[in-house]
Amino acid sequence: MSTYGTTRHAPGPPGTAKERVTDYHTTLFRRLTWEGTVPLEIRVDPKELPANSDRGLECYYIQAPRVSYLPLLMPEIRRFLMDVVFDEAAAKLLKEEDWWFESAEGTLLKWYRTPSSSGICAEVPIHRHWSIGLLYDNHTISNSVRPSSSQPTPMRLILHLVSPPTEKLLQSPSAEACKLAFMGQLKEADFIRWGNTKRMTGLRKADQDALWEGIRDHNFDHFWRVAAKVTPSAGIPRSQSPVPSTTPSLHSRPPSADPAGPLERDGAYNVRSVPVRIYLPDGPVLQDLVPPIMEDGSPNTLAQYLTGHIPLLFPPRSRPSTPADVEHDIRESQLPGLAYPLIQGVHSPSDAEMAWLGACMAGADGWLNVCIGIEH
């Protein structure tokens, strides 16, 4: 475990110990997210194998980092194919820029419909590079709507060596194009949080490059040394409620006893909006403004967010007013729901706070990706 933390507080002043502990936990969950991996089975399309290739070894298995991207796996895949599968003479004729991926079900990877300003998906398909973890989670929820198919592990991909569908890709599958798309997503997330991109555009060129180098080299410390400058720490929710409630709530926390007062203004609970996208099985991507704090001063939770956007899958629940109501809610909560949220491969609890999720469970590009699976 690295000793590096995301705290940006100056040492020494009284009352900062709690903030330093909070930032330690922020770093802990970010590292757990960073170290996540998914199993991939990459098979070359047999119709495209060069002559004299070893057809018994055209399949490659890899435990790939969730935060990485398929173009970054190309050098390792190429080395395997060149050393073990391809005939040396025929391999020289292959161009890596023509290589592209497809799922075993025949779905082109790494593109989706872009959300419009209203949060509804536009009709024009726009290619984007997705992280490997998001590809895997999207594949998982797509299988959740197919009762006859079990979840495949590993995820099976087809590697094509020729004829990329340029009319659908719209963007080169190269690592450089992936870097540009990644940096664009970081800037968009920065704007969603703060209403401007000053934190991203204010970085030196060397620091911006260091972000991508951290992804490319899978180096947590190298990446977060810079990313911590633009990403809020989890912190403690600010109290906005005019009258403190004496009734305990599942979605509220006690006011901070920290004598230093509220957490720094750059904390996760002080952003304008949390960068969030909802991914539906074989469906559109939804995006909307997600305030970290509700109008009554309580933290916005995953349950409230999902109920507000997809109430048919996450119907609202009435507040219990009697002991019988509480007992009924407990029994009801033990029953399987209609759907479940999957974040970084984890079935996320409904009372998780959106600000915390955005600070600790977002992808390296700054976006919190909530994939919705269907219960059976």
Protein backbone atom coordinates (compact mmCIF):
# COMPACT_ATOMS: atom_id res chain seq x y z
CA MET A 1 0.00 0.00 0.00
CA SER A 2 1.39 3.36 -1.01
CA THR A 3 1.85 5.99 1.65
CA TYR A 4 0.90 8.75 -0.77
CA GLY A 5 -2.33 10.57 0.15
CA THR A 6 -4.60 12.98 -1.63
CA THR A 7 -4.71 15.51 1.18
CA ARG A 8 -3.92 19.09 0.22
CA HIS A 9 -4.04 20.57 3.74
CA ALA A 10 -1.04 22.31 5.24
CA PRO A 11 0.28 20.35 8.25
CA GLY A 12 0.01 21.69 11.72
CA PRO A 13 -3.18 23.69 12.34
CA PRO A 14 -5.46 22.17 14.98
CA GLY A 15 -8.58 20.42 13.79
CA THR A 16 -7.10 19.02 10.56
CA ALA A 17 -6.59 15.46 11.86
CA LYS A 18 -10.11 14.39 10.87
CA GLU A 19 -9.62 15.83 7.37
CA ARG A 20 -6.34 13.96 6.98
CA VAL A 21 -8.06 10.70 8.05
CA THR A 22 -10.88 11.37 5.61
CA ASP A 23 -8.42 11.85 2.78
CA TYR A 24 -6.64 8.65 3.76
CA HIS A 25 -9.90 6.76 3.24
CA THR A 26 -10.44 8.59 -0.05
CA THR A 27 -7.05 7.35 -1.20
CA LEU A 28 -7.77 3.84 0.03
CA PHE A 29 -10.95 3.48 -2.03
CA ARG A 30 -9.32 5.11 -5.05
CA ARG A 31 -6.53 2.56 -4.87
CA LEU A 32 -8.98 -0.33 -4.55
CA THR A 33 -10.75 0.97 -7.65
CA TRP A 34 -7.45 1.44 -9.46
CA GLU A 35 -6.22 -2.08 -8.71
CA GLY A 36 -9.40 -3.69 -10.03
CA THR A 37 -8.95 -6.01 -13.01
CA VAL A 38 -11.21 -7.93 -15.39
CA PRO A 39 -10.52 -11.15 -17.33
CA LEU A 40 -10.45 -10.90 -21.13
CA GLU A 41 -10.24 -13.57 -23.81
CA ILE A 42 -8.98 -12.06 -27.06
CA ARG A 43 -9.31 -14.25 -30.13
CA VAL A 44 -8.14 -13.32 -33.62
CA ASP A 45 -10.84 -13.65 -36.27
CA PRO A 46 -9.91 -16.99 -37.88
CA LYS A 47 -10.90 -15.68 -41.33
CA GLU A 48 -8.24 -12.97 -41.05
CA LEU A 49 -5.28 -15.01 -39.80
CA PRO A 50 -2.26 -14.73 -42.13
CA ALA A 51 -1.09 -17.80 -44.00
CA ASN A 52 0.96 -20.32 -42.02
CA SER A 53 -0.29 -19.00 -38.67
CA ASP A 54 -0.55 -21.41 -35.75
CA ARG A 55 -4.33 -21.79 -35.52
CA GLY A 56 -4.19 -23.59 -32.19
CA LEU A 57 -2.81 -20.55 -30.36
CA GLU A 58 -4.76 -17.62 -31.78
CA CYS A 59 -6.44 -16.94 -28.41
CA TYR A 60 -4.84 -14.68 -25.79
CA TYR A 61 -5.93 -14.36 -22.14
CA ILE A 62 -5.20 -11.34 -20.00
CA GLN A 63 -6.24 -9.94 -16.62
CA ALA A 64 -6.58 -6.32 -17.69
CA PRO A 65 -6.69 -3.24 -15.41
CA ARG A 66 -10.15 -1.68 -15.17
CA VAL A 67 -8.75 1.83 -15.63
CA SER A 68 -6.85 0.94 -18.81
CA TYR A 69 -8.02 1.03 -22.44
CA LEU A 70 -7.97 -1.54 -25.22
CA PRO A 71 -5.49 0.40 -27.41
CA LEU A 72 -3.00 0.24 -24.53
CA LEU A 73 -3.13 -3.57 -24.62
CA MET A 74 -2.13 -3.66 -28.28
CA PRO A 75 1.67 -3.82 -27.77
CA GLU A 76 1.36 -6.82 -25.44
CA ILE A 77 -1.12 -8.57 -27.73
CA ARG A 78 1.04 -7.87 -30.77
CA ARG A 79 4.14 -9.32 -29.09
CA PHE A 80 2.25 -12.53 -28.30
CA LEU A 81 0.87 -12.87 -31.81
CA MET A 82 4.21 -12.11 -33.47
CA ASP A 83 6.15 -14.52 -31.24
CA VAL A 84 3.69 -17.41 -31.14
CA VAL A 85 0.96 -17.22 -33.79
CA PHE A 86 1.90 -15.34 -36.94
CA ASP A 87 4.29 -16.46 -39.64
CA GLU A 88 7.18 -13.97 -39.67
CA ALA A 89 6.91 -13.07 -43.36
CA ALA A 90 3.13 -12.62 -43.29
CA ALA A 91 3.23 -10.67 -40.03
CA LYS A 92 5.31 -7.93 -41.65
CA LEU A 93 2.38 -7.09 -43.91
CA LEU A 94 -0.03 -6.45 -41.03
CA LYS A 95 -0.71 -2.86 -39.95
CA GLU A 96 -1.59 -2.35 -36.30
CA GLU A 97 -3.61 0.77 -37.12
CA ASP A 98 -6.07 -1.51 -38.95
CA TRP A 99 -6.74 -3.65 -35.88
CA TRP A 100 -10.08 -3.26 -34.09
CA PHE A 101 -12.22 -5.10 -31.55
CA GLU A 102 -15.67 -6.60 -31.56
CA SER A 103 -17.51 -8.51 -28.86
CA ALA A 104 -18.10 -12.22 -29.34
CA GLU A 105 -21.79 -11.36 -29.92
CA GLY A 106 -20.81 -9.15 -32.86
CA THR A 107 -21.15 -5.76 -31.15
CA LEU A 108 -18.68 -3.06 -32.09
CA LEU A 109 -16.90 -1.82 -28.96
CA LYS A 110 -16.15 1.64 -27.60
CA TRP A 111 -18.98 3.75 -29.00
CA TYR A 112 -22.32 5.02 -27.74
CA ARG A 113 -24.96 7.66 -28.29
CA THR A 114 -23.91 10.91 -26.74
CA PRO A 115 -26.30 12.57 -24.26
CA SER A 116 -27.78 15.89 -25.28
CA SER A 117 -27.94 18.91 -23.01
CA SER A 118 -31.37 17.77 -21.84
CA GLY A 119 -29.93 14.49 -20.60
CA ILE A 120 -31.69 12.45 -23.31
CA CYS A 121 -29.51 10.59 -25.73
CA ALA A 122 -28.99 12.13 -29.13
CA GLU A 123 -29.79 10.01 -32.14
CA VAL A 124 -26.35 10.28 -33.75
CA PRO A 125 -23.94 7.51 -32.68
CA ILE A 126 -20.66 9.03 -31.51
CA HIS A 127 -17.58 6.91 -30.93
CA ARG A 128 -15.86 7.23 -27.57
CA HIS A 129 -13.07 5.21 -26.02
CA TRP A 130 -14.43 3.39 -22.99
CA SER A 131 -12.22 2.09 -20.19
CA ILE A 132 -11.89 -1.68 -20.01
CA GLY A 133 -13.79 -1.77 -16.72
CA LEU A 134 -16.73 0.11 -18.23
CA LEU A 135 -16.75 -2.21 -21.24
CA TYR A 136 -16.87 -5.20 -18.92
CA ASP A 137 -19.65 -3.76 -16.72
CA ASN A 138 -21.68 -2.77 -19.77
CA HIS A 139 -21.25 -6.31 -21.08
CA THR A 140 -22.41 -7.64 -17.70
CA ILE A 141 -25.64 -5.63 -17.63
CA SER A 142 -26.35 -6.46 -21.28
CA ASN A 143 -26.26 -10.14 -20.34
CA SER A 144 -28.61 -9.44 -17.42
CA VAL A 145 -31.49 -8.94 -19.89
CA ARG A 146 -30.83 -12.30 -21.53
CA PRO A 147 -32.12 -14.96 -19.10
CA SER A 148 -30.88 -17.80 -21.29
CA SER A 149 -27.27 -16.60 -21.28
CA SER A 150 -25.01 -16.91 -18.28
CA GLN A 151 -22.44 -14.22 -17.53
CA PRO A 152 -19.29 -15.19 -19.44
CA THR A 153 -16.02 -15.01 -17.58
CA PRO A 154 -13.77 -13.94 -19.12
CA MET A 155 -15.31 -11.40 -21.49
CA ARG A 156 -14.72 -12.67 -25.02
CA LEU A 157 -13.47 -10.26 -27.68
CA ILE A 158 -12.74 -10.76 -31.37
CA LEU A 159 -9.65 -9.01 -32.72
CA HIS A 160 -9.95 -8.07 -36.38
CA LEU A 161 -6.75 -7.45 -38.33
CA VAL A 162 -8.16 -5.72 -41.41
CA SER A 163 -10.95 -3.46 -42.69
CA PRO A 164 -11.88 -1.33 -39.65
CA PRO A 165 -15.47 0.02 -39.96
CA THR A 166 -14.41 3.66 -40.18
CA GLU A 167 -18.00 4.83 -40.77
CA LYS A 168 -18.87 3.60 -37.25
CA LEU A 169 -15.62 4.10 -35.38
CA LEU A 170 -15.38 7.81 -36.28
CA GLN A 171 -12.20 7.93 -34.21
CA SER A 172 -8.93 6.11 -34.71
CA PRO A 173 -8.47 3.11 -32.37
CA SER A 174 -4.88 4.26 -31.75
CA ALA A 175 -3.43 5.03 -28.31
CA GLU A 176 -2.97 8.69 -29.27
CA ALA A 177 -6.65 9.07 -30.19
CA CYS A 178 -7.53 7.33 -26.93
CA LYS A 179 -5.37 9.85 -25.03
CA LEU A 180 -7.14 12.80 -26.68
CA ALA A 181 -10.55 11.32 -25.85
CA PHE A 182 -9.44 10.67 -22.25
CA MET A 183 -8.23 14.24 -21.77
CA GLY A 184 -11.48 15.53 -23.27
CA GLN A 185 -13.49 13.50 -20.75
CA LEU A 186 -11.41 14.89 -17.87
CA LYS A 187 -12.11 18.45 -19.00
CA GLU A 188 -15.82 17.74 -19.41
CA ALA A 189 -15.98 16.25 -15.90
CA ASP A 190 -14.10 19.30 -14.58
CA PHE A 191 -16.69 21.60 -16.14
CA ILE A 192 -19.60 19.58 -14.73
CA ARG A 193 -18.12 19.83 -11.21
CA TRP A 194 -17.14 23.48 -11.08
CA GLY A 195 -18.79 25.25 -14.02
CA ASN A 196 -15.40 25.83 -15.67
CA THR A 197 -12.28 23.92 -16.72
CA LYS A 198 -9.73 26.12 -14.95
CA ARG A 199 -8.34 23.25 -12.89
CA MET A 200 -7.59 21.16 -15.98
CA THR A 201 -6.46 23.93 -18.31
CA GLY A 202 -4.36 25.41 -15.50
CA LEU A 203 -2.19 22.29 -15.37
CA ARG A 204 1.23 22.45 -16.98
CA LYS A 205 1.69 20.41 -20.15
CA ALA A 206 3.98 18.03 -18.23
CA ASP A 207 1.26 17.45 -15.62
CA GLN A 208 -1.41 16.81 -18.26
CA ASP A 209 0.90 14.29 -19.92
CA ALA A 210 1.57 12.70 -16.52
CA LEU A 211 -2.13 11.87 -16.18
CA TRP A 212 -2.07 9.77 -19.33
CA GLU A 213 1.33 8.29 -18.50
CA GLY A 214 -0.09 7.10 -15.19
CA ILE A 215 -2.88 5.29 -17.05
CA ARG A 216 -0.52 3.90 -19.70
CA ASP A 217 1.99 2.61 -17.12
CA HIS A 218 -0.71 1.69 -14.57
CA ASN A 219 1.05 3.80 -11.95
CA PHE A 220 -1.34 4.91 -9.20
CA ASP A 221 1.01 7.38 -7.50
CA HIS A 222 2.10 8.98 -10.77
CA PHE A 223 -1.52 9.50 -11.85
CA TRP A 224 -2.98 10.73 -8.55
CA ARG A 225 -0.09 13.07 -7.84
CA VAL A 226 -1.63 15.23 -10.57
CA ALA A 227 -5.26 14.07 -10.51
CA ALA A 228 -5.59 15.12 -6.85
CA LYS A 229 -5.21 18.72 -8.01
CA VAL A 230 -8.40 18.57 -10.06
CA THR A 231 -10.47 15.90 -8.26
CA PRO A 232 -12.27 16.70 -4.97
CA SER A 233 -11.57 14.65 -1.88
CA ALA A 234 -14.50 12.90 -0.21
CA GLY A 235 -14.56 15.11 2.87
CA ILE A 236 -17.58 15.57 5.12
CA PRO A 237 -20.95 16.88 3.86
CA ARG A 238 -21.65 20.49 4.65
CA SER A 239 -24.71 21.13 6.78
CA GLN A 240 -27.28 23.29 5.01
CA SER A 241 -30.37 22.35 6.97
CA PRO A 242 -31.65 25.38 8.91
CA VAL A 243 -33.10 23.25 11.72
CA PRO A 244 -31.17 20.12 12.79
CA SER A 245 -33.46 17.11 12.81
CA THR A 246 -33.78 15.05 15.96
CA THR A 247 -35.08 12.07 13.98
CA PRO A 248 -32.35 9.65 12.83
CA SER A 249 -32.20 9.11 9.09
CA LEU A 250 -30.45 6.53 6.95
CA HIS A 251 -29.33 9.27 4.57
CA SER A 252 -28.04 11.86 7.01
CA ARG A 253 -24.90 12.21 9.08
CA PRO A 254 -24.38 13.96 12.41
CA PRO A 255 -22.94 17.48 12.09
CA SER A 256 -19.15 17.62 12.12
CA ALA A 257 -17.55 18.06 15.51
CA ASP A 258 -14.39 19.37 13.86
CA PRO A 259 -13.54 22.70 15.51
CA ALA A 260 -11.86 23.85 12.31
CA GLY A 261 -15.29 24.26 10.71
CA PRO A 262 -16.48 23.07 7.27
CA LEU A 263 -14.19 21.18 4.92
CA GLU A 264 -12.28 22.99 2.22
CA ARG A 265 -14.36 24.55 -0.53
CA ASP A 266 -12.94 22.12 -3.10
CA GLY A 267 -14.44 19.09 -1.33
CA ALA A 268 -16.80 16.65 -3.06
CA TYR A 269 -19.84 18.00 -1.20
CA ASN A 270 -19.18 21.53 -2.45
CA VAL A 271 -19.11 20.86 -6.19
CA ARG A 272 -21.88 22.22 -8.40
CA SER A 273 -22.69 18.77 -9.77
CA VAL A 274 -21.28 15.24 -9.72
CA PRO A 275 -20.25 13.97 -13.20
CA VAL A 276 -22.48 10.89 -13.57
CA ARG A 277 -23.70 8.74 -16.45
CA ILE A 278 -26.28 5.96 -16.31
CA TYR A 279 -25.82 3.01 -18.67
CA LEU A 280 -28.88 0.90 -19.44
CA PRO A 281 -28.67 -2.64 -20.88
CA ASP A 282 -28.51 -2.42 -24.69
CA GLY A 283 -29.93 1.08 -24.32
CA PRO A 284 -29.00 4.74 -24.19
CA VAL A 285 -26.63 6.58 -21.88
CA LEU A 286 -28.34 9.08 -19.59
CA GLN A 287 -26.65 12.17 -18.22
CA ASP A 288 -27.98 14.99 -16.08
CA LEU A 289 -26.87 17.46 -13.43
CA VAL A 290 -26.54 15.72 -10.06
CA PRO A 291 -26.22 18.04 -7.04
CA PRO A 292 -24.28 16.53 -4.11
CA ILE A 293 -26.65 18.08 -1.57
CA MET A 294 -30.46 18.07 -1.64
CA GLU A 295 -32.55 21.18 -1.03
CA ASP A 296 -33.18 20.14 2.59
CA GLY A 297 -29.43 20.01 3.24
CA SER A 298 -29.12 16.20 3.29
CA PRO A 299 -26.63 14.40 1.01
CA ASN A 300 -28.00 13.21 -2.32
CA THR A 301 -27.94 9.41 -2.36
CA LEU A 302 -27.77 6.80 -5.09
CA ALA A 303 -31.35 5.72 -4.29
CA GLN A 304 -32.68 9.26 -4.70
CA TYR A 305 -30.74 9.75 -7.91
CA LEU A 306 -31.92 6.50 -9.53
CA THR A 307 -35.52 6.97 -8.38
CA GLY A 308 -35.55 10.44 -9.90
CA HIS A 309 -34.21 9.28 -13.28
CA ILE A 310 -35.50 5.74 -13.78
CA PRO A 311 -38.45 5.35 -11.36
CA LEU A 312 -39.85 2.33 -13.21
CA LEU A 313 -36.78 0.32 -12.24
CA PHE A 314 -36.21 2.02 -8.87
CA PRO A 315 -39.68 3.00 -7.59
CA PRO A 316 -39.86 5.50 -4.73
CA ARG A 317 -40.55 4.28 -1.23
CA SER A 318 -42.73 6.15 1.23
CA ARG A 319 -41.26 7.27 4.53
CA PRO A 320 -42.25 4.94 7.41
CA SER A 321 -44.52 6.68 9.92
CA THR A 322 -45.37 3.80 12.27
CA PRO A 323 -43.50 0.76 13.65
CA ALA A 324 -45.59 -1.41 11.33
CA ASP A 325 -44.41 0.63 8.36
CA VAL A 326 -40.78 0.19 9.45
CA GLU A 327 -41.29 -3.56 9.74
CA HIS A 328 -42.91 -3.65 6.30
CA ASP A 329 -39.99 -1.72 4.79
CA ILE A 330 -37.47 -4.11 6.33
CA ARG A 331 -39.30 -7.12 4.85
CA GLU A 332 -39.59 -5.36 1.49
CA SER A 333 -35.89 -4.47 1.43
CA GLN A 334 -35.02 -8.17 1.77
CA LEU A 335 -36.86 -8.97 -1.46
CA PRO A 336 -35.00 -8.76 -4.78
CA GLY A 337 -35.60 -5.48 -6.61
CA LEU A 338 -36.29 -4.93 -10.29
CA ALA A 339 -32.75 -3.75 -11.04
CA TYR A 340 -29.40 -3.11 -9.41
CA PRO A 341 -26.67 -0.47 -9.83
CA LEU A 342 -23.18 -1.66 -10.73
CA ILE A 343 -20.29 0.75 -10.11
CA GLN A 344 -16.73 -0.41 -10.82
CA GLY A 345 -18.02 -3.98 -10.83
CA VAL A 346 -19.54 -3.57 -7.35
CA HIS A 347 -23.24 -3.88 -6.48
CA SER A 348 -23.56 -0.50 -4.80
CA PRO A 349 -25.77 0.17 -1.73
CA SER A 350 -28.70 2.48 -2.27
CA ASP A 351 -27.76 4.79 0.62
CA ALA A 352 -24.31 5.56 -0.82
CA GLU A 353 -23.90 9.31 -1.21
CA MET A 354 -23.37 10.64 -4.72
CA ALA A 355 -20.62 13.04 -3.65
CA TRP A 356 -18.65 10.23 -2.01
CA LEU A 357 -19.14 7.95 -5.00
CA GLY A 358 -17.96 10.71 -7.34
CA ALA A 359 -14.81 11.25 -5.28
CA CYS A 360 -13.90 7.61 -4.58
CA MET A 361 -15.53 5.38 -7.22
CA ALA A 362 -15.34 7.45 -10.39
CA GLY A 363 -13.28 6.30 -13.35
CA ALA A 364 -9.85 7.78 -14.02
CA ASP A 365 -11.53 10.15 -16.51
CA GLY A 366 -13.51 11.71 -13.65
CA TRP A 367 -16.90 10.21 -14.52
CA LEU A 368 -19.00 8.10 -12.18
CA ASN A 369 -20.42 5.34 -14.39
CA VAL A 370 -23.56 3.68 -13.01
CA CYS A 371 -24.45 0.54 -14.98
CA ILE A 372 -27.98 -0.79 -14.44
CA GLY A 373 -28.47 -4.54 -14.43
CA ILE A 374 -31.84 -6.30 -14.45
CA GLU A 375 -32.77 -8.74 -11.66
CA HIS A 376 -34.41 -12.04 -12.53
